[in-house]
Amino acid sequence: MAVDWGEALRVGGTGFGTVFLVLVILAVAITLIGLAVRRLNRSQTNSKQEGK
């Protein structure tokens, strides 16, 4: 039973790359959501202060 190391490296590299791609996508999504929440909180805080 011979191991095709080229195929093994390709499959492993594809999996490794996919994991990092998903992590980067999640990091970007979380950053964008954080920015949106921060802006919403600022606008709500400013409107409450103006209403005083």
N, C-alpha and C. Protein backbone atom coordinates (compact mmCIF):
# COMPACT_ATOMS: atom_id res chain seq x y z
N MET A 1 0.85 -1.18 0.00
CA MET A 1 0.00 0.00 0.00
C MET A 1 0.90 1.24 0.00
N ALA A 2 1.03 1.87 -1.14
CA ALA A 2 1.90 3.03 -1.29
C ALA A 2 1.11 4.31 -1.02
N VAL A 3 1.82 5.27 -0.47
CA VAL A 3 1.20 6.56 -0.18
C VAL A 3 1.60 7.53 -1.30
N ASP A 4 0.62 8.15 -1.90
CA ASP A 4 0.88 9.17 -2.91
C ASP A 4 1.03 10.50 -2.17
N TRP A 5 2.28 10.88 -1.89
CA TRP A 5 2.53 12.05 -1.06
C TRP A 5 2.09 13.34 -1.74
N GLY A 6 2.14 13.37 -3.05
CA GLY A 6 1.66 14.56 -3.76
C GLY A 6 0.18 14.78 -3.53
N GLU A 7 -0.58 13.69 -3.63
CA GLU A 7 -2.03 13.78 -3.38
C GLU A 7 -2.31 14.11 -1.91
N ALA A 8 -1.54 13.51 -1.00
CA ALA A 8 -1.73 13.77 0.42
C ALA A 8 -1.46 15.24 0.75
N LEU A 9 -0.40 15.80 0.16
CA LEU A 9 -0.09 17.21 0.41
C LEU A 9 -1.15 18.11 -0.21
N ARG A 10 -1.67 17.74 -1.37
CA ARG A 10 -2.70 18.55 -2.00
C ARG A 10 -3.97 18.56 -1.16
N VAL A 11 -4.39 17.40 -0.69
CA VAL A 11 -5.60 17.31 0.14
C VAL A 11 -5.39 18.05 1.46
N GLY A 12 -4.24 17.84 2.10
CA GLY A 12 -3.95 18.53 3.36
C GLY A 12 -3.86 20.03 3.19
N GLY A 13 -3.21 20.46 2.12
CA GLY A 13 -3.09 21.89 1.85
C GLY A 13 -4.42 22.54 1.56
N THR A 14 -5.27 21.82 0.82
CA THR A 14 -6.61 22.34 0.53
C THR A 14 -7.42 22.50 1.82
N GLY A 15 -7.36 21.52 2.68
CA GLY A 15 -8.08 21.60 3.95
C GLY A 15 -7.55 22.73 4.83
N PHE A 16 -6.23 22.82 4.90
CA PHE A 16 -5.59 23.86 5.70
C PHE A 16 -5.96 25.24 5.17
N GLY A 17 -5.88 25.41 3.86
CA GLY A 17 -6.24 26.68 3.24
C GLY A 17 -7.69 27.04 3.45
N THR A 18 -8.56 26.04 3.37
CA THR A 18 -9.99 26.28 3.56
C THR A 18 -10.28 26.76 4.98
N VAL A 19 -9.63 26.15 5.95
CA VAL A 19 -9.83 26.55 7.34
C VAL A 19 -9.41 28.00 7.54
N PHE A 20 -8.25 28.38 7.01
CA PHE A 20 -7.80 29.76 7.17
C PHE A 20 -8.69 30.73 6.41
N LEU A 21 -9.18 30.34 5.25
CA LEU A 21 -10.09 31.20 4.50
C LEU A 21 -11.38 31.45 5.30
N VAL A 22 -11.92 30.41 5.89
CA VAL A 22 -13.14 30.56 6.69
C VAL A 22 -12.87 31.44 7.91
N LEU A 23 -11.72 31.26 8.55
CA LEU A 23 -11.39 32.09 9.71
C LEU A 23 -11.24 33.56 9.34
N VAL A 24 -10.65 33.84 8.19
CA VAL A 24 -10.51 35.23 7.74
C VAL A 24 -11.88 35.82 7.45
N ILE A 25 -12.75 35.06 6.79
CA ILE A 25 -14.10 35.54 6.50
C ILE A 25 -14.85 35.85 7.80
N LEU A 26 -14.74 34.96 8.78
CA LEU A 26 -15.40 35.20 10.07
C LEU A 26 -14.83 36.43 10.78
N ALA A 27 -13.52 36.60 10.73
CA ALA A 27 -12.90 37.76 11.38
C ALA A 27 -13.38 39.06 10.74
N VAL A 28 -13.47 39.09 9.42
CA VAL A 28 -13.95 40.29 8.73
C VAL A 28 -15.42 40.54 9.07
N ALA A 29 -16.23 39.49 9.09
CA ALA A 29 -17.65 39.65 9.40
C ALA A 29 -17.84 40.17 10.82
N ILE A 30 -17.09 39.63 11.77
CA ILE A 30 -17.22 40.07 13.16
C ILE A 30 -16.76 41.52 13.31
N THR A 31 -15.70 41.90 12.61
CA THR A 31 -15.22 43.28 12.66
C THR A 31 -16.27 44.24 12.11
N LEU A 32 -16.87 43.89 10.97
CA LEU A 32 -17.89 44.75 10.37
C LEU A 32 -19.12 44.86 11.26
N ILE A 33 -19.53 43.76 11.87
CA ILE A 33 -20.68 43.79 12.77
C ILE A 33 -20.36 44.64 14.00
N GLY A 34 -19.14 44.53 14.52
CA GLY A 34 -18.73 45.35 15.65
C GLY A 34 -18.76 46.83 15.33
N LEU A 35 -18.29 47.19 14.14
CA LEU A 35 -18.34 48.60 13.73
C LEU A 35 -19.77 49.09 13.61
N ALA A 36 -20.65 48.27 13.06
CA ALA A 36 -22.05 48.67 12.91
C ALA A 36 -22.71 48.85 14.27
N VAL A 37 -22.45 47.94 15.19
CA VAL A 37 -23.04 48.05 16.53
C VAL A 37 -22.53 49.29 17.24
N ARG A 38 -21.24 49.57 17.09
CA ARG A 38 -20.67 50.76 17.72
C ARG A 38 -21.31 52.04 17.17
N ARG A 39 -21.51 52.08 15.85
CA ARG A 39 -22.16 53.26 15.25
C ARG A 39 -23.59 53.41 15.74
N LEU A 40 -24.31 52.30 15.83
CA LEU A 40 -25.69 52.37 16.30
C LEU A 40 -25.75 52.85 17.74
N ASN A 41 -24.85 52.36 18.58
CA ASN A 41 -24.82 52.79 19.98
C ASN A 41 -24.48 54.27 20.09
N ARG A 42 -23.54 54.74 19.27
CA ARG A 42 -23.18 56.16 19.30
C ARG A 42 -24.36 57.03 18.89
N SER A 43 -25.06 56.62 17.83
CA SER A 43 -26.17 57.44 17.37
C SER A 43 -27.31 57.44 18.39
N GLN A 44 -27.54 56.32 19.06
CA GLN A 44 -28.58 56.27 20.08
C GLN A 44 -28.18 57.11 21.29
N THR A 45 -26.92 57.06 21.66
CA THR A 45 -26.43 57.85 22.80
C THR A 45 -26.52 59.33 22.48
N ASN A 46 -26.15 59.72 21.26
CA ASN A 46 -26.21 61.13 20.88
C ASN A 46 -27.65 61.63 20.85
N SER A 47 -28.57 60.81 20.36
CA SER A 47 -29.97 61.25 20.30
C SER A 47 -30.57 61.35 21.70
N LYS A 48 -30.15 60.50 22.63
CA LYS A 48 -30.63 60.59 24.00
C LYS A 48 -30.10 61.85 24.68
N GLN A 49 -28.84 62.19 24.41
CA GLN A 49 -28.25 63.38 25.02
C GLN A 49 -28.88 64.65 24.45
N GLU A 50 -29.23 64.64 23.17
CA GLU A 50 -29.86 65.81 22.57
C GLU A 50 -31.28 66.01 23.10
N GLY A 51 -31.92 64.94 23.53
CA GLY A 51 -33.29 65.02 24.03
C GLY A 51 -33.39 65.57 25.43
N LYS A 52 -32.28 65.69 26.14
CA LYS A 52 -32.32 66.18 27.53
C LYS A 52 -32.67 67.63 27.60
